[in-house]
Amino acid sequence: MAEPTVRVTRYEVSCVPPDDINAHRFTLTVEHRGHDRWAVMNGPFCLGVDGDFGHEPIPSERSDEWKRTHRFDLDTALRLAKEHAPKMTVNGYTVADVLARADR
């Protein structure tokens, strides 16, 4: 019988504890996109080398240039996600706001 393989295809990066009701909104994901390249995602938005999140096009509309500016090696993608996680804002609330409310 063949031995199953296990591979990691997604990491979650957040400053908000996973059991917080708002955690899913304040969580970035680092997702495998093939060929040892990873995307930093905020929902449907993908981080580019310019530091901005933009909508990720459907696969057939992703040019080589777009992929070069929105795909990273794993170490870089995790580093960028860790840099951006504390700066997240959702509906005007910051990570600090969410953490302060949890302390009450």
PDB file of N, CA and C in Angstrom:
ATOM      1  N   MET A   1       0.845  -1.183   0.000  1.00  0.00           N
ATOM      2  CA  MET A   1       0.000   0.000   0.000  1.00  0.00           C
ATOM      3  C   MET A   1       0.891   1.248   0.000  1.00  0.00           C
ATOM      4  N   ALA A   2       0.493   2.227  -0.750  1.00  0.00           N
ATOM      5  CA  ALA A   2       1.270   3.465  -0.839  1.00  0.00           C
ATOM      6  C   ALA A   2       1.177   4.256   0.458  1.00  0.00           C
ATOM      7  N   GLU A   3       2.280   4.889   0.810  1.00  0.00           N
ATOM      8  CA  GLU A   3       2.337   5.728   2.010  1.00  0.00           C
ATOM      9  C   GLU A   3       1.747   7.103   1.681  1.00  0.00           C
ATOM     10  N   PRO A   4       0.818   7.606   2.509  1.00  0.00           N
ATOM     11  CA  PRO A   4       0.245   8.926   2.250  1.00  0.00           C
ATOM     12  C   PRO A   4       1.300  10.021   2.393  1.00  0.00           C
ATOM     13  N   THR A   5       1.145  11.053   1.623  1.00  0.00           N
ATOM     14  CA  THR A   5       2.011  12.219   1.765  1.00  0.00           C
ATOM     15  C   THR A   5       1.243  13.312   2.496  1.00  0.00           C
ATOM     16  N   VAL A   6       1.968  14.107   3.219  1.00  0.00           N
ATOM     17  CA  VAL A   6       1.388  15.229   3.947  1.00  0.00           C
ATOM     18  C   VAL A   6       2.172  16.468   3.557  1.00  0.00           C
ATOM     19  N   ARG A   7       1.457  17.522   3.211  1.00  0.00           N
ATOM     20  CA  ARG A   7       2.139  18.767   2.882  1.00  0.00           C
ATOM     21  C   ARG A   7       1.325  19.936   3.404  1.00  0.00           C
ATOM     22  N   VAL A   8       2.024  20.949   3.788  1.00  0.00           N
ATOM     23  CA  VAL A   8       1.383  22.166   4.278  1.00  0.00           C
ATOM     24  C   VAL A   8       1.093  23.056   3.079  1.00  0.00           C
ATOM     25  N   THR A   9      -0.143  23.524   2.978  1.00  0.00           N
ATOM     26  CA  THR A   9      -0.515  24.398   1.864  1.00  0.00           C
ATOM     27  C   THR A   9      -1.027  25.752   2.327  1.00  0.00           C
ATOM     28  N   ARG A  10      -1.131  25.935   3.651  1.00  0.00           N
ATOM     29  CA  ARG A  10      -1.667  27.199   4.154  1.00  0.00           C
ATOM     30  C   ARG A  10      -1.222  27.424   5.599  1.00  0.00           C
ATOM     31  N   TYR A  11      -0.839  28.654   5.880  1.00  0.00           N
ATOM     32  CA  TYR A  11      -0.523  29.091   7.236  1.00  0.00           C
ATOM     33  C   TYR A  11      -1.463  30.233   7.585  1.00  0.00           C
ATOM     34  N   GLU A  12      -1.811  30.352   8.852  1.00  0.00           N
ATOM     35  CA  GLU A  12      -2.603  31.485   9.329  1.00  0.00           C
ATOM     36  C   GLU A  12      -1.719  32.347  10.215  1.00  0.00           C
ATOM     37  N   VAL A  13      -1.787  33.674  10.014  1.00  0.00           N
ATOM     38  CA  VAL A  13      -0.966  34.619  10.761  1.00  0.00           C
ATOM     39  C   VAL A  13      -1.888  35.682  11.334  1.00  0.00           C
ATOM     40  N   SER A  14      -1.886  35.827  12.658  1.00  0.00           N
ATOM     41  CA  SER A  14      -2.785  36.783  13.298  1.00  0.00           C
ATOM     42  C   SER A  14      -2.221  37.237  14.628  1.00  0.00           C
ATOM     43  N   CYS A  15      -2.560  38.462  15.015  1.00  0.00           N
ATOM     44  CA  CYS A  15      -2.229  38.973  16.346  1.00  0.00           C
ATOM     45  C   CYS A  15      -3.396  38.795  17.302  1.00  0.00           C
ATOM     46  N   VAL A  16      -4.529  38.364  16.784  1.00  0.00           N
ATOM     47  CA  VAL A  16      -5.736  38.174  17.588  1.00  0.00           C
ATOM     48  C   VAL A  16      -5.826  36.687  17.946  1.00  0.00           C
ATOM     49  N   PRO A  17      -6.074  36.364  19.212  1.00  0.00           N
ATOM     50  CA  PRO A  17      -6.148  34.952  19.606  1.00  0.00           C
ATOM     51  C   PRO A  17      -7.185  34.190  18.776  1.00  0.00           C
ATOM     52  N   PRO A  18      -6.897  32.939  18.440  1.00  0.00           N
ATOM     53  CA  PRO A  18      -7.796  32.178  17.569  1.00  0.00           C
ATOM     54  C   PRO A  18      -9.195  31.969  18.133  1.00  0.00           C
ATOM     55  N   ASP A  19      -9.352  32.053  19.450  1.00  0.00           N
ATOM     56  CA  ASP A  19     -10.681  31.860  20.030  1.00  0.00           C
ATOM     57  C   ASP A  19     -11.488  33.158  20.118  1.00  0.00           C
ATOM     58  N   ASP A  20     -10.901  34.278  19.696  1.00  0.00           N
ATOM     59  CA  ASP A  20     -11.629  35.552  19.682  1.00  0.00           C
ATOM     60  C   ASP A  20     -12.648  35.528  18.543  1.00  0.00           C
ATOM     61  N   ILE A  21     -13.831  36.059  18.796  1.00  0.00           N
ATOM     62  CA  ILE A  21     -14.896  36.055  17.787  1.00  0.00           C
ATOM     63  C   ILE A  21     -14.487  36.788  16.506  1.00  0.00           C
ATOM     64  N   ASN A  22     -13.545  37.719  16.608  1.00  0.00           N
ATOM     65  CA  ASN A  22     -13.106  38.498  15.450  1.00  0.00           C
ATOM     66  C   ASN A  22     -11.849  37.944  14.779  1.00  0.00           C
ATOM     67  N   ALA A  23     -11.328  36.847  15.275  1.00  0.00           N
ATOM     68  CA  ALA A  23     -10.047  36.334  14.787  1.00  0.00           C
ATOM     69  C   ALA A  23     -10.035  36.098  13.284  1.00  0.00           C
ATOM     70  N   HIS A  24     -11.096  35.530  12.735  1.00  0.00           N
ATOM     71  CA  HIS A  24     -11.082  35.204  11.302  1.00  0.00           C
ATOM     72  C   HIS A  24     -10.954  36.457  10.437  1.00  0.00           C
ATOM     73  N   ARG A  25     -11.460  37.584  10.899  1.00  0.00           N
ATOM     74  CA  ARG A  25     -11.363  38.826  10.126  1.00  0.00           C
ATOM     75  C   ARG A  25      -9.981  39.465  10.245  1.00  0.00           C
ATOM     76  N   PHE A  26      -9.268  39.140  11.308  1.00  0.00           N
ATOM     77  CA  PHE A  26      -7.954  39.722  11.556  1.00  0.00           C
ATOM     78  C   PHE A  26      -6.847  38.694  11.345  1.00  0.00           C
ATOM     79  N   THR A  27      -7.074  37.782  10.428  1.00  0.00           N
ATOM     80  CA  THR A  27      -6.102  36.738  10.124  1.00  0.00           C
ATOM     81  C   THR A  27      -5.712  36.802   8.655  1.00  0.00           C
ATOM     82  N   LEU A  28      -4.418  36.878   8.426  1.00  0.00           N
ATOM     83  CA  LEU A  28      -3.883  36.761   7.070  1.00  0.00           C
ATOM     84  C   LEU A  28      -3.544  35.296   6.840  1.00  0.00           C
ATOM     85  N   THR A  29      -3.582  34.883   5.597  1.00  0.00           N
ATOM     86  CA  THR A  29      -3.155  33.528   5.280  1.00  0.00           C
ATOM     87  C   THR A  29      -1.990  33.588   4.304  1.00  0.00           C
ATOM     88  N   VAL A  30      -1.110  32.628   4.445  1.00  0.00           N
ATOM     89  CA  VAL A  30      -0.007  32.435   3.502  1.00  0.00           C
ATOM     90  C   VAL A  30      -0.321  31.116   2.819  1.00  0.00           C
ATOM     91  N   GLU A  31      -0.593  31.195   1.514  1.00  0.00           N
ATOM     92  CA  GLU A  31      -1.115  30.041   0.784  1.00  0.00           C
ATOM     93  C   GLU A  31      -0.180  29.618  -0.344  1.00  0.00           C
ATOM     94  N   HIS A  32       0.039  28.312  -0.421  1.00  0.00           N
ATOM     95  CA  HIS A  32       0.897  27.761  -1.468  1.00  0.00           C
ATOM     96  C   HIS A  32       0.239  27.945  -2.827  1.00  0.00           C
ATOM     97  N   ARG A  33       1.021  28.398  -3.786  1.00  0.00           N
ATOM     98  CA  ARG A  33       0.499  28.617  -5.135  1.00  0.00           C
ATOM     99  C   ARG A  33       1.275  27.823  -6.183  1.00  0.00           C
ATOM    100  N   GLY A  34       2.053  26.849  -5.736  1.00  0.00           N
ATOM    101  CA  GLY A  34       2.793  25.997  -6.660  1.00  0.00           C
ATOM    102  C   GLY A  34       4.193  26.515  -6.929  1.00  0.00           C
ATOM    103  N   HIS A  35       5.048  25.610  -7.358  1.00  0.00           N
ATOM    104  CA  HIS A  35       6.425  25.938  -7.738  1.00  0.00           C
ATOM    105  C   HIS A  35       7.159  26.687  -6.633  1.00  0.00           C
ATOM    106  N   ASP A  36       6.959  26.280  -5.380  1.00  0.00           N
ATOM    107  CA  ASP A  36       7.607  26.898  -4.218  1.00  0.00           C
ATOM    108  C   ASP A  36       7.308  28.383  -4.083  1.00  0.00           C
ATOM    109  N   ARG A  37       6.151  28.799  -4.551  1.00  0.00           N
ATOM    110  CA  ARG A  37       5.733  30.204  -4.443  1.00  0.00           C
ATOM    111  C   ARG A  37       4.498  30.278  -3.556  1.00  0.00           C
ATOM    112  N   TRP A  38       4.421  31.363  -2.785  1.00  0.00           N
ATOM    113  CA  TRP A  38       3.377  31.542  -1.783  1.00  0.00           C
ATOM    114  C   TRP A  38       2.756  32.914  -1.922  1.00  0.00           C
ATOM    115  N   ALA A  39       1.474  33.001  -1.600  1.00  0.00           N
ATOM    116  CA  ALA A  39       0.735  34.265  -1.635  1.00  0.00           C
ATOM    117  C   ALA A  39       0.353  34.649  -0.210  1.00  0.00           C
ATOM    118  N   VAL A  40       0.412  35.951   0.083  1.00  0.00           N
ATOM    119  CA  VAL A  40      -0.069  36.475   1.362  1.00  0.00           C
ATOM    120  C   VAL A  40      -1.456  37.034   1.091  1.00  0.00           C
ATOM    121  N   MET A  41      -2.473  36.447   1.740  1.00  0.00           N
ATOM    122  CA  MET A  41      -3.858  36.774   1.438  1.00  0.00           C
ATOM    123  C   MET A  41      -4.576  37.396   2.634  1.00  0.00           C
ATOM    124  N   ASN A  42      -5.430  38.356   2.321  1.00  0.00           N
ATOM    125  CA  ASN A  42      -6.384  38.917   3.281  1.00  0.00           C
ATOM    126  C   ASN A  42      -7.741  38.716   2.626  1.00  0.00           C
ATOM    127  N   GLY A  43      -8.352  37.555   2.902  1.00  0.00           N
ATOM    128  CA  GLY A  43      -9.575  37.188   2.188  1.00  0.00           C
ATOM    129  C   GLY A  43      -9.243  37.023   0.711  1.00  0.00           C
ATOM    130  N   PRO A  44      -9.969  37.722  -0.183  1.00  0.00           N
ATOM    131  CA  PRO A  44      -9.704  37.593  -1.616  1.00  0.00           C
ATOM    132  C   PRO A  44      -8.594  38.520  -2.115  1.00  0.00           C
ATOM    133  N   PHE A  45      -7.977  39.260  -1.192  1.00  0.00           N
ATOM    134  CA  PHE A  45      -6.971  40.250  -1.581  1.00  0.00           C
ATOM    135  C   PHE A  45      -5.568  39.708  -1.353  1.00  0.00           C
ATOM    136  N   CYS A  46      -4.698  39.976  -2.314  1.00  0.00           N
ATOM    137  CA  CYS A  46      -3.361  39.409  -2.348  1.00  0.00           C
ATOM    138  C   CYS A  46      -2.324  40.520  -2.194  1.00  0.00           C
ATOM    139  N   LEU A  47      -1.337  40.296  -1.336  1.00  0.00           N
ATOM    140  CA  LEU A  47      -0.287  41.281  -1.104  1.00  0.00           C
ATOM    141  C   LEU A  47       0.694  41.313  -2.267  1.00  0.00           C
ATOM    142  N   GLY A  48       1.032  42.517  -2.692  1.00  0.00           N
ATOM    143  CA  GLY A  48       2.030  42.707  -3.736  1.00  0.00           C
ATOM    144  C   GLY A  48       3.330  43.227  -3.152  1.00  0.00           C
ATOM    145  N   VAL A  49       4.377  43.244  -3.969  1.00  0.00           N
ATOM    146  CA  VAL A  49       5.671  43.739  -3.511  1.00  0.00           C
ATOM    147  C   VAL A  49       5.615  45.218  -3.144  1.00  0.00           C
ATOM    148  N   ASP A  50       4.588  45.925  -3.609  1.00  0.00           N
ATOM    149  CA  ASP A  50       4.427  47.341  -3.270  1.00  0.00           C
ATOM    150  C   ASP A  50       3.846  47.539  -1.871  1.00  0.00           C
ATOM    151  N   GLY A  51       3.497  46.444  -1.183  1.00  0.00           N
ATOM    152  CA  GLY A  51       2.961  46.527   0.167  1.00  0.00           C
ATOM    153  C   GLY A  51       1.461  46.711   0.235  1.00  0.00           C
ATOM    154  N   ASP A  52       0.796  46.732  -0.909  1.00  0.00           N
ATOM    155  CA  ASP A  52      -0.655  46.900  -0.952  1.00  0.00           C
ATOM    156  C   ASP A  52      -1.334  45.572  -1.268  1.00  0.00           C
ATOM    157  N   PHE A  53      -2.545  45.421  -0.730  1.00  0.00           N
ATOM    158  CA  PHE A  53      -3.369  44.260  -1.041  1.00  0.00           C
ATOM    159  C   PHE A  53      -4.307  44.628  -2.183  1.00  0.00           C
ATOM    160  N   GLY A  54      -4.356  43.789  -3.201  1.00  0.00           N
ATOM    161  CA  GLY A  54      -5.262  43.993  -4.323  1.00  0.00           C
ATOM    162  C   GLY A  54      -5.998  42.700  -4.624  1.00  0.00           C
ATOM    163  N   HIS A  55      -7.090  42.829  -5.344  1.00  0.00           N
ATOM    164  CA  HIS A  55      -7.886  41.651  -5.692  1.00  0.00           C
ATOM    165  C   HIS A  55      -7.057  40.703  -6.544  1.00  0.00           C
ATOM    166  N   GLU A  56      -7.102  39.421  -6.217  1.00  0.00           N
ATOM    167  CA  GLU A  56      -6.366  38.420  -6.987  1.00  0.00           C
ATOM    168  C   GLU A  56      -7.193  38.009  -8.197  1.00  0.00           C
ATOM    169  N   PRO A  57      -6.651  38.196  -9.399  1.00  0.00           N
ATOM    170  CA  PRO A  57      -7.397  37.802 -10.601  1.00  0.00           C
ATOM    171  C   PRO A  57      -7.601  36.283 -10.670  1.00  0.00           C
ATOM    172  N   ILE A  58      -8.555  35.874 -11.492  1.00  0.00           N
ATOM    173  CA  ILE A  58      -8.736  34.443 -11.717  1.00  0.00           C
ATOM    174  C   ILE A  58      -7.466  33.906 -12.384  1.00  0.00           C
ATOM    175  N   PRO A  59      -7.168  32.612 -12.215  1.00  0.00           N
ATOM    176  CA  PRO A  59      -5.899  32.076 -12.709  1.00  0.00           C
ATOM    177  C   PRO A  59      -5.586  32.398 -14.169  1.00  0.00           C
ATOM    178  N   SER A  60      -6.560  32.343 -15.043  1.00  0.00           N
ATOM    179  CA  SER A  60      -6.282  32.594 -16.464  1.00  0.00           C
ATOM    180  C   SER A  60      -5.930  34.051 -16.751  1.00  0.00           C
ATOM    181  N   GLU A  61      -6.173  34.944 -15.795  1.00  0.00           N
ATOM    182  CA  GLU A  61      -5.865  36.362 -15.995  1.00  0.00           C
ATOM    183  C   GLU A  61      -4.631  36.824 -15.223  1.00  0.00           C
ATOM    184  N   ARG A  62      -3.915  35.898 -14.601  1.00  0.00           N
ATOM    185  CA  ARG A  62      -2.696  36.249 -13.864  1.00  0.00           C
ATOM    186  C   ARG A  62      -1.504  36.194 -14.811  1.00  0.00           C
ATOM    187  N   SER A  63      -1.005  37.357 -15.181  1.00  0.00           N
ATOM    188  CA  SER A  63       0.150  37.417 -16.078  1.00  0.00           C
ATOM    189  C   SER A  63       1.417  37.022 -15.317  1.00  0.00           C
ATOM    190  N   ASP A  64       2.464  36.716 -16.066  1.00  0.00           N
ATOM    191  CA  ASP A  64       3.744  36.401 -15.432  1.00  0.00           C
ATOM    192  C   ASP A  64       4.223  37.582 -14.598  1.00  0.00           C
ATOM    193  N   GLU A  65       4.036  38.788 -15.109  1.00  0.00           N
ATOM    194  CA  GLU A  65       4.435  39.991 -14.364  1.00  0.00           C
ATOM    195  C   GLU A  65       3.654  40.085 -13.055  1.00  0.00           C
ATOM    196  N   TRP A  66       2.337  39.847 -13.105  1.00  0.00           N
ATOM    197  CA  TRP A  66       1.527  39.901 -11.887  1.00  0.00           C
ATOM    198  C   TRP A  66       2.037  38.874 -10.875  1.00  0.00           C
ATOM    199  N   LYS A  67       2.304  37.661 -11.343  1.00  0.00           N
ATOM    200  CA  LYS A  67       2.791  36.611 -10.443  1.00  0.00           C
ATOM    201  C   LYS A  67       4.144  36.978  -9.836  1.00  0.00           C
ATOM    202  N   ARG A  68       5.018  37.602 -10.617  1.00  0.00           N
ATOM    203  CA  ARG A  68       6.325  38.011 -10.093  1.00  0.00           C
ATOM    204  C   ARG A  68       6.185  39.014  -8.955  1.00  0.00           C
ATOM    205  N   THR A  69       5.134  39.814  -8.979  1.00  0.00           N
ATOM    206  CA  THR A  69       4.970  40.856  -7.965  1.00  0.00           C
ATOM    207  C   THR A  69       4.021  40.462  -6.831  1.00  0.00           C
ATOM    208  N   HIS A  70       3.445  39.257  -6.903  1.00  0.00           N
ATOM    209  CA  HIS A  70       2.490  38.832  -5.873  1.00  0.00           C
ATOM    210  C   HIS A  70       2.762  37.427  -5.336  1.00  0.00           C
ATOM    211  N   ARG A  71       3.905  36.865  -5.647  1.00  0.00           N
ATOM    212  CA  ARG A  71       4.281  35.542  -5.157  1.00  0.00           C
ATOM    213  C   ARG A  71       5.656  35.648  -4.514  1.00  0.00           C
ATOM    214  N   PHE A  72       5.842  34.891  -3.440  1.00  0.00           N
ATOM    215  CA  PHE A  72       7.067  34.986  -2.659  1.00  0.00           C
ATOM    216  C   PHE A  72       7.538  33.593  -2.278  1.00  0.00           C
ATOM    217  N   ASP A  73       8.811  33.487  -1.902  1.00  0.00           N
ATOM    218  CA  ASP A  73       9.249  32.241  -1.285  1.00  0.00           C
ATOM    219  C   ASP A  73       8.604  32.190   0.100  1.00  0.00           C
ATOM    220  N   LEU A  74       8.587  31.026   0.719  1.00  0.00           N
ATOM    221  CA  LEU A  74       7.862  30.849   1.977  1.00  0.00           C
ATOM    222  C   LEU A  74       8.374  31.769   3.079  1.00  0.00           C
ATOM    223  N   ASP A  75       9.679  31.860   3.254  1.00  0.00           N
ATOM    224  CA  ASP A  75      10.216  32.702   4.331  1.00  0.00           C
ATOM    225  C   ASP A  75       9.805  34.159   4.162  1.00  0.00           C
ATOM    226  N   THR A  76       9.868  34.655   2.943  1.00  0.00           N
ATOM    227  CA  THR A  76       9.475  36.042   2.683  1.00  0.00           C
ATOM    228  C   THR A  76       7.988  36.232   2.925  1.00  0.00           C
ATOM    229  N   ALA A  77       7.172  35.299   2.455  1.00  0.00           N
ATOM    230  CA  ALA A  77       5.717  35.413   2.637  1.00  0.00           C
ATOM    231  C   ALA A  77       5.350  35.420   4.117  1.00  0.00           C
ATOM    232  N   LEU A  78       5.959  34.552   4.899  1.00  0.00           N
ATOM    233  CA  LEU A  78       5.670  34.527   6.337  1.00  0.00           C
ATOM    234  C   LEU A  78       6.142  35.814   7.013  1.00  0.00           C
ATOM    235  N   ARG A  79       7.303  36.307   6.628  1.00  0.00           N
ATOM    236  CA  ARG A  79       7.809  37.560   7.196  1.00  0.00           C
ATOM    237  C   ARG A  79       6.872  38.710   6.878  1.00  0.00           C
ATOM    238  N   LEU A  80       6.435  38.802   5.626  1.00  0.00           N
ATOM    239  CA  LEU A  80       5.518  39.879   5.233  1.00  0.00           C
ATOM    240  C   LEU A  80       4.181  39.771   5.965  1.00  0.00           C
ATOM    241  N   ALA A  81       3.669  38.564   6.099  1.00  0.00           N
ATOM    242  CA  ALA A  81       2.402  38.382   6.821  1.00  0.00           C
ATOM    243  C   ALA A  81       2.552  38.814   8.276  1.00  0.00           C
ATOM    244  N   LYS A  82       3.672  38.470   8.897  1.00  0.00           N
ATOM    245  CA  LYS A  82       3.913  38.879  10.282  1.00  0.00           C
ATOM    246  C   LYS A  82       4.047  40.396  10.399  1.00  0.00           C
ATOM    247  N   GLU A  83       4.609  41.042   9.384  1.00  0.00           N
ATOM    248  CA  GLU A  83       4.730  42.504   9.395  1.00  0.00           C
ATOM    249  C   GLU A  83       3.371  43.176   9.244  1.00  0.00           C
ATOM    250  N   HIS A  84       2.510  42.611   8.424  1.00  0.00           N
ATOM    251  CA  HIS A  84       1.212  43.228   8.132  1.00  0.00           C
ATOM    252  C   HIS A  84       0.130  42.883   9.153  1.00  0.00           C
ATOM    253  N   ALA A  85       0.235  41.750   9.824  1.00  0.00           N
ATOM    254  CA  ALA A  85      -0.811  41.325  10.767  1.00  0.00           C
ATOM    255  C   ALA A  85      -1.101  42.363  11.857  1.00  0.00           C
ATOM    256  N   PRO A  86      -0.103  42.985  12.473  1.00  0.00           N
ATOM    257  CA  PRO A  86      -0.414  43.959  13.527  1.00  0.00           C
ATOM    258  C   PRO A  86      -1.055  45.243  13.000  1.00  0.00           C
ATOM    259  N   LYS A  87      -0.966  45.475  11.706  1.00  0.00           N
ATOM    260  CA  LYS A  87      -1.478  46.711  11.100  1.00  0.00           C
ATOM    261  C   LYS A  87      -2.884  46.564  10.528  1.00  0.00           C
ATOM    262  N   MET A  88      -3.491  45.404  10.689  1.00  0.00           N
ATOM    263  CA  MET A  88      -4.794  45.166  10.071  1.00  0.00           C
ATOM    264  C   MET A  88      -5.874  46.053  10.679  1.00  0.00           C
ATOM    265  N   THR A  89      -6.769  46.509   9.815  1.00  0.00           N
ATOM    266  CA  THR A  89      -7.937  47.286  10.226  1.00  0.00           C
ATOM    267  C   THR A  89      -9.151  46.704   9.519  1.00  0.00           C
ATOM    268  N   VAL A  90     -10.219  46.477  10.275  1.00  0.00           N
ATOM    269  CA  VAL A  90     -11.460  45.945   9.717  1.00  0.00           C
ATOM    270  C   VAL A  90     -12.606  46.813  10.211  1.00  0.00           C
ATOM    271  N   ASN A  91     -13.331  47.401   9.268  1.00  0.00           N
ATOM    272  CA  ASN A  91     -14.466  48.272   9.608  1.00  0.00           C
ATOM    273  C   ASN A  91     -14.087  49.346  10.625  1.00  0.00           C
ATOM    274  N   GLY A  92     -12.887  49.891  10.466  1.00  0.00           N
ATOM    275  CA  GLY A  92     -12.428  50.958  11.344  1.00  0.00           C
ATOM    276  C   GLY A  92     -11.796  50.494  12.643  1.00  0.00           C
ATOM    277  N   TYR A  93     -11.834  49.204  12.927  1.00  0.00           N
ATOM    278  CA  TYR A  93     -11.243  48.665  14.150  1.00  0.00           C
ATOM    279  C   TYR A  93      -9.850  48.116  13.857  1.00  0.00           C
ATOM    280  N   THR A  94      -8.920  48.446  14.720  1.00  0.00           N
ATOM    281  CA  THR A  94      -7.555  47.954  14.582  1.00  0.00           C
ATOM    282  C   THR A  94      -7.367  46.700  15.432  1.00  0.00           C
ATOM    283  N   VAL A  95      -6.239  46.057  15.244  1.00  0.00           N
ATOM    284  CA  VAL A  95      -5.891  44.914  16.085  1.00  0.00           C
ATOM    285  C   VAL A  95      -5.861  45.355  17.548  1.00  0.00           C
ATOM    286  N   ALA A  96      -5.287  46.528  17.814  1.00  0.00           N
ATOM    287  CA  ALA A  96      -5.227  47.041  19.189  1.00  0.00           C
ATOM    288  C   ALA A  96      -6.627  47.215  19.775  1.00  0.00           C
ATOM    289  N   ASP A  97      -7.573  47.694  18.961  1.00  0.00           N
ATOM    290  CA  ASP A  97      -8.957  47.845  19.433  1.00  0.00           C
ATOM    291  C   ASP A  97      -9.546  46.497  19.840  1.00  0.00           C
ATOM    292  N   VAL A  98      -9.346  45.502  19.005  1.00  0.00           N
ATOM    293  CA  VAL A  98      -9.894  44.167  19.280  1.00  0.00           C
ATOM    294  C   VAL A  98      -9.267  43.583  20.542  1.00  0.00           C
ATOM    295  N   LEU A  99      -7.959  43.727  20.678  1.00  0.00           N
ATOM    296  CA  LEU A  99      -7.283  43.191  21.857  1.00  0.00           C
ATOM    297  C   LEU A  99      -7.706  43.928  23.125  1.00  0.00           C
ATOM    298  N   ALA A 100      -7.913  45.241  23.029  1.00  0.00           N
ATOM    299  CA  ALA A 100      -8.357  46.024  24.192  1.00  0.00           C
ATOM    300  C   ALA A 100      -9.752  45.590  24.634  1.00  0.00           C
ATOM    301  N   ARG A 101     -10.630  45.333  23.684  1.00  0.00           N
ATOM    302  CA  ARG A 101     -11.989  44.882  24.022  1.00  0.00           C
ATOM    303  C   ARG A 101     -11.941  43.505  24.682  1.00  0.00           C
ATOM    304  N   ALA A 102     -11.018  42.670  24.251  1.00  0.00           N
ATOM    305  CA  ALA A 102     -10.907  41.327  24.827  1.00  0.00           C
ATOM    306  C   ALA A 102     -10.410  41.383  26.267  1.00  0.00           C
ATOM    307  N   ASP A 103      -9.656  42.432  26.602  1.00  0.00           N
ATOM    308  CA  ASP A 103      -9.118  42.571  27.961  1.00  0.00           C
ATOM    309  C   ASP A 103     -10.172  43.010  28.965  1.00  0.00           C
ATOM    310  N   ARG A 104     -11.290  43.544  28.484  1.00  0.00           N
ATOM    311  CA  ARG A 104     -12.329  44.035  29.403  1.00  0.00           C
ATOM    312  C   ARG A 104     -13.076  42.917  30.046  1.00  0.00           C
TER     313      ARG A 104
END
